[in-house]
Amino acid sequence: MNIVVLVKQVPDSGVDRNLRTDDNTVDRGSANNVINEMDEYAIEEALKIKEAHGGEVTILTMGPDQATESIRKALSMGPDKAVHVLDDALAGSCAVTTSKVLSAALGQLNADLVLCGAESTDGRVQVLPHMLAERLGVAALTGARKLTVDGSTLTIERQTEEGYEVITAETPAVVSVWDTINEPRYPSFKGIMAAKKKPVQTLPLGDLGVAPAEVGRAGATSAVLEHSKRPPRSSGTKVTDEGAGGTQLVEFLATEKFV
């Protein structure tokens, strides 16, 4: 099975993240950038499928030069090769234009299965898997907590607030996963050394048939107009129970519209 895993480099969610003051986009230059957490689970699932059914795993990334760091980290986990969509015109691309570029790249890779995280920790819009499936004309199996492969048939348990739904489709398909699906492996020293020699193909927009004017801030369908820092947390309200504590607590909850 030919599996392609989408990997995005994002600012580390464990530290402060900022938007640029000039264009309101994510300030990646001053951040500690890492692989999007959910994408690590997608990589692990791809490797498990390869180990059980054979095939090849390719990492696909769209991002600036520094995204190469995350590509090598992803390859150290075990995938075979990577494709890096790299072009200065891509800076500031929205989800819609990102899906256009990635679908063009996927069209050249002939994937049986496209795996990705259910969301990215910087955007958190959860729409890219659906957009890619629509552009590619394939099934979208999203929000998987479990994936079963039986020949060309894919079955997922889609995680919901009430439990899960069972969804089945034939390959080719796009599957997005949550962090409940598996436990990603740690790269071994051997894997880290091997990753340095694995092929990474660079694709500019010209090779994908996408014009620069269609992407980036110029082609974006949405944009952040303004932003501000989250206000500091105010001190809490302490209720001292002198016989009417319960009433005071209910009044406070009602004021805050919790009840």
Protein backbone atom coordinates (compact mmCIF):
# COMPACT_ATOMS: atom_id res chain seq x y z
CA MET A 1 0.00 0.00 0.00
CA ASN A 2 1.26 3.45 -0.94
CA ILE A 3 0.73 5.64 2.14
CA VAL A 4 1.33 9.38 2.33
CA VAL A 5 1.38 11.12 5.72
CA LEU A 6 0.84 14.87 5.92
CA VAL A 7 3.18 16.50 8.42
CA LYS A 8 3.05 20.14 9.46
CA GLN A 9 5.71 22.03 11.38
CA VAL A 10 4.09 24.19 14.08
CA PRO A 11 5.22 26.32 17.03
CA ASP A 12 5.58 24.23 20.19
CA SER A 13 2.26 24.40 22.06
CA GLY A 14 4.13 24.05 25.35
CA VAL A 15 5.61 27.53 25.15
CA ASP A 16 4.31 31.02 24.35
CA ARG A 17 3.20 31.46 20.77
CA ASN A 18 2.83 34.80 19.03
CA LEU A 19 1.44 36.39 15.89
CA ARG A 20 3.54 38.76 13.83
CA THR A 21 2.70 42.44 14.20
CA ASP A 22 3.08 43.25 10.49
CA ASP A 23 0.69 40.73 8.93
CA ASN A 24 -0.98 38.89 11.87
CA THR A 25 0.38 35.51 10.80
CA VAL A 26 2.05 33.00 13.13
CA ASP A 27 5.53 34.13 14.14
CA ARG A 28 7.48 30.98 13.32
CA GLY A 29 10.87 32.65 13.31
CA SER A 30 10.88 33.26 17.06
CA ALA A 31 9.23 29.97 18.04
CA ASN A 32 10.51 26.52 18.91
CA ASN A 33 9.03 24.64 15.94
CA VAL A 34 8.08 20.97 16.15
CA ILE A 35 6.02 18.34 14.33
CA ASN A 36 2.32 18.92 14.87
CA GLU A 37 1.44 16.51 17.68
CA MET A 38 -1.50 14.81 15.93
CA ASP A 39 0.66 14.15 12.87
CA GLU A 40 2.97 11.96 14.96
CA TYR A 41 0.02 9.63 15.58
CA ALA A 42 -0.67 9.58 11.83
CA ILE A 43 2.98 8.62 11.18
CA GLU A 44 2.76 5.81 13.73
CA GLU A 45 -0.45 4.48 12.18
CA ALA A 46 1.13 4.51 8.72
CA LEU A 47 4.12 2.54 10.00
CA LYS A 48 1.86 -0.02 11.68
CA ILE A 49 -0.05 -0.52 8.42
CA LYS A 50 3.18 -0.89 6.48
CA GLU A 51 4.47 -3.47 8.96
CA ALA A 52 1.25 -5.47 8.70
CA HIS A 53 0.51 -5.14 4.98
CA GLY A 54 3.71 -3.96 3.29
CA GLY A 55 4.13 -0.94 1.05
CA GLU A 56 5.83 2.42 1.36
CA VAL A 57 5.35 5.47 3.59
CA THR A 58 6.02 8.97 2.27
CA ILE A 59 6.03 12.17 4.34
CA LEU A 60 4.49 15.22 2.63
CA THR A 61 5.17 18.67 4.06
CA MET A 62 4.37 22.18 2.90
CA GLY A 63 6.43 24.84 4.64
CA PRO A 64 9.55 27.03 4.66
CA ASP A 65 13.18 25.86 4.68
CA GLN A 66 13.16 25.27 8.43
CA ALA A 67 10.43 22.63 8.01
CA THR A 68 13.26 20.32 6.89
CA GLU A 69 14.02 19.79 10.59
CA SER A 70 10.58 18.26 11.15
CA ILE A 71 10.84 16.24 7.95
CA ARG A 72 14.05 14.58 9.19
CA LYS A 73 12.46 14.00 12.61
CA ALA A 74 9.48 12.32 10.91
CA LEU A 75 11.78 10.18 8.75
CA SER A 76 13.70 9.06 11.84
CA MET A 77 10.52 7.35 13.06
CA GLY A 78 10.64 5.00 10.06
CA PRO A 79 9.01 6.36 6.85
CA ASP A 80 10.85 5.74 3.58
CA LYS A 81 11.07 9.17 1.97
CA ALA A 82 9.65 12.68 1.97
CA VAL A 83 8.35 15.39 -0.34
CA HIS A 84 8.76 19.03 0.68
CA VAL A 85 6.56 21.60 -1.07
CA LEU A 86 8.76 24.68 -0.79
CA ASP A 87 8.12 28.09 -2.32
CA ASP A 88 8.40 31.63 -0.93
CA ALA A 89 5.00 32.47 -2.43
CA LEU A 90 3.30 30.04 -0.01
CA ALA A 91 3.83 32.26 3.06
CA GLY A 92 0.48 33.26 4.56
CA SER A 93 -1.60 30.62 2.73
CA CYS A 94 -5.00 29.84 4.23
CA ALA A 95 -6.54 26.38 4.65
CA VAL A 96 -8.31 26.57 1.28
CA THR A 97 -5.17 27.40 -0.70
CA THR A 98 -3.12 24.94 1.35
CA SER A 99 -5.55 22.19 0.34
CA LYS A 100 -5.14 23.22 -3.30
CA VAL A 101 -1.34 22.92 -3.14
CA LEU A 102 -1.29 19.67 -1.17
CA SER A 103 -3.91 18.04 -3.42
CA ALA A 104 -1.74 18.93 -6.43
CA ALA A 105 1.23 17.26 -4.75
CA LEU A 106 -0.83 14.22 -3.76
CA GLY A 107 -1.97 13.94 -7.37
CA GLN A 108 1.64 13.19 -8.29
CA LEU A 109 2.17 10.65 -5.51
CA ASN A 110 -0.72 8.27 -6.35
CA ALA A 111 -1.44 7.45 -2.71
CA ASP A 112 -3.76 4.62 -1.75
CA LEU A 113 -4.10 6.12 1.71
CA VAL A 114 -3.51 9.68 2.94
CA LEU A 115 -3.10 9.96 6.71
CA CYS A 116 -3.00 13.15 8.76
CA GLY A 117 -3.74 14.51 12.21
CA ALA A 118 -7.32 15.57 12.90
CA GLU A 119 -6.15 19.12 13.58
CA SER A 120 -3.04 21.28 13.83
CA THR A 121 -2.16 22.97 17.09
CA ASP A 122 -1.64 26.36 15.42
CA GLY A 123 -4.77 26.58 13.25
CA ARG A 124 -7.14 24.06 14.92
CA VAL A 125 -9.76 24.36 12.14
CA GLN A 126 -10.05 20.60 11.37
CA VAL A 127 -11.09 21.23 7.75
CA LEU A 128 -8.04 20.24 5.70
CA PRO A 129 -8.80 16.47 5.50
CA HIS A 130 -12.28 17.20 4.15
CA MET A 131 -10.98 19.74 1.64
CA LEU A 132 -8.30 17.34 0.38
CA ALA A 133 -10.79 14.50 -0.05
CA GLU A 134 -13.13 16.79 -1.97
CA ARG A 135 -10.38 18.04 -4.29
CA LEU A 136 -9.07 14.49 -4.86
CA GLY A 137 -12.54 13.00 -5.32
CA VAL A 138 -11.99 10.32 -2.65
CA ALA A 139 -13.62 9.31 0.63
CA ALA A 140 -12.92 11.24 3.84
CA LEU A 141 -12.76 9.13 7.01
CA THR A 142 -12.15 11.72 9.69
CA GLY A 143 -11.60 11.77 13.43
CA ALA A 144 -10.48 8.14 13.69
CA ARG A 145 -9.66 6.55 17.02
CA LYS A 146 -9.14 3.18 15.32
CA LEU A 147 -8.31 2.19 11.73
CA THR A 148 -8.60 -1.29 10.24
CA VAL A 149 -7.27 -2.22 6.80
CA ASP A 150 -8.66 -5.24 4.96
CA GLY A 151 -7.32 -5.31 1.42
CA SER A 152 -8.68 -2.15 -0.21
CA THR A 153 -11.34 -1.66 2.48
CA LEU A 154 -10.80 0.83 5.29
CA THR A 155 -12.89 0.87 8.45
CA ILE A 156 -12.58 3.48 11.17
CA GLU A 157 -14.14 4.15 14.52
CA ARG A 158 -14.90 7.87 14.37
CA GLN A 159 -14.58 9.41 17.80
CA THR A 160 -17.61 11.42 18.96
CA GLU A 161 -18.71 12.98 22.24
CA GLU A 162 -21.21 10.16 22.75
CA GLY A 163 -18.92 7.28 21.75
CA TYR A 164 -17.97 6.32 18.21
CA GLU A 165 -19.36 5.72 14.72
CA VAL A 166 -18.19 2.93 12.39
CA ILE A 167 -17.38 4.23 8.89
CA THR A 168 -16.20 2.12 5.93
CA ALA A 169 -14.81 3.15 2.54
CA GLU A 170 -12.61 1.85 -0.24
CA THR A 171 -9.16 3.16 -1.06
CA PRO A 172 -8.00 5.66 -2.12
CA ALA A 173 -9.11 7.70 0.89
CA VAL A 174 -8.09 10.42 3.33
CA VAL A 175 -8.06 9.43 7.01
CA SER A 176 -7.49 11.86 9.89
CA VAL A 177 -6.67 10.55 13.36
CA TRP A 178 -6.90 11.62 16.99
CA ASP A 179 -4.31 10.94 19.67
CA THR A 180 -6.41 8.04 20.97
CA ILE A 181 -5.49 5.82 18.02
CA ASN A 182 -2.02 4.66 19.13
CA GLU A 183 1.18 5.60 20.94
CA PRO A 184 3.88 7.02 18.62
CA ARG A 185 7.27 5.36 18.78
CA TYR A 186 10.42 7.23 19.74
CA PRO A 187 13.09 7.46 17.04
CA SER A 188 16.02 5.15 17.71
CA PHE A 189 19.62 6.22 17.21
CA LYS A 190 19.72 3.96 14.16
CA GLY A 191 16.58 5.63 12.83
CA ILE A 192 17.99 9.10 13.38
CA MET A 193 21.17 8.24 11.48
CA ALA A 194 19.23 6.53 8.67
CA ALA A 195 16.95 9.56 8.28
CA LYS A 196 19.91 11.66 7.17
CA LYS A 197 20.27 9.53 4.04
CA LYS A 198 16.61 9.13 3.11
CA PRO A 199 15.54 11.00 -0.04
CA VAL A 200 13.68 14.30 0.31
CA GLN A 201 12.23 15.68 -2.92
CA THR A 202 11.61 19.43 -3.11
CA LEU A 203 8.63 20.62 -5.16
CA PRO A 204 8.18 24.31 -6.05
CA LEU A 205 4.79 25.65 -7.14
CA GLY A 206 5.85 25.54 -10.78
CA ASP A 207 6.10 21.76 -10.65
CA LEU A 208 2.56 21.54 -9.25
CA GLY A 209 0.87 23.75 -11.83
CA VAL A 210 -0.18 26.29 -9.19
CA ALA A 211 0.37 30.00 -9.86
CA PRO A 212 1.95 32.13 -7.07
CA ALA A 213 -0.98 34.55 -7.20
CA GLU A 214 -3.33 31.72 -6.15
CA VAL A 215 -1.60 31.14 -2.81
CA GLY A 216 -0.02 33.08 0.03
CA ARG A 217 -1.63 36.18 1.47
CA ALA A 218 -2.62 37.35 -2.00
CA GLY A 219 -4.72 34.26 -2.65
CA ALA A 220 -5.98 33.67 0.89
CA THR A 221 -9.74 33.40 1.41
CA SER A 222 -9.46 34.39 5.07
CA ALA A 223 -7.14 36.51 7.17
CA VAL A 224 -6.63 37.68 10.75
CA LEU A 225 -7.47 41.39 10.83
CA GLU A 226 -6.25 42.13 14.35
CA HIS A 227 -5.12 40.35 17.46
CA SER A 228 -4.27 41.00 21.08
CA LYS A 229 -2.73 39.09 23.95
CA ARG A 230 -5.01 37.12 26.26
CA PRO A 231 -5.72 39.32 29.31
CA PRO A 232 -4.09 38.22 32.56
CA ARG A 233 -6.17 35.97 34.75
CA SER A 234 -8.03 37.95 37.39
CA SER A 235 -8.20 36.86 41.01
CA GLY A 236 -10.96 34.45 41.87
CA THR A 237 -13.99 34.99 44.07
CA LYS A 238 -13.80 33.36 47.49
CA VAL A 239 -17.04 32.32 49.15
CA THR A 240 -16.85 32.02 52.93
CA ASP A 241 -19.64 29.85 54.22
CA GLU A 242 -21.25 31.54 57.21
CA GLY A 243 -24.61 29.91 56.66
CA ALA A 244 -25.40 31.32 53.22
CA GLY A 245 -22.46 29.87 51.28
CA GLY A 246 -24.64 27.69 49.08
CA THR A 247 -26.81 30.64 48.06
CA GLN A 248 -23.77 32.78 47.31
CA LEU A 249 -22.25 30.02 45.20
CA VAL A 250 -25.44 29.58 43.13
CA GLU A 251 -25.72 33.36 42.64
CA PHE A 252 -22.12 33.50 41.42
CA LEU A 253 -22.65 30.59 38.99
CA ALA A 254 -25.85 32.25 37.71
CA THR A 255 -24.02 35.55 37.19
CA GLU A 256 -21.34 33.75 35.15
CA LYS A 257 -24.11 31.92 33.23
CA PHE A 258 -22.93 28.48 34.36
CA VAL A 259 -26.43 27.65 35.59
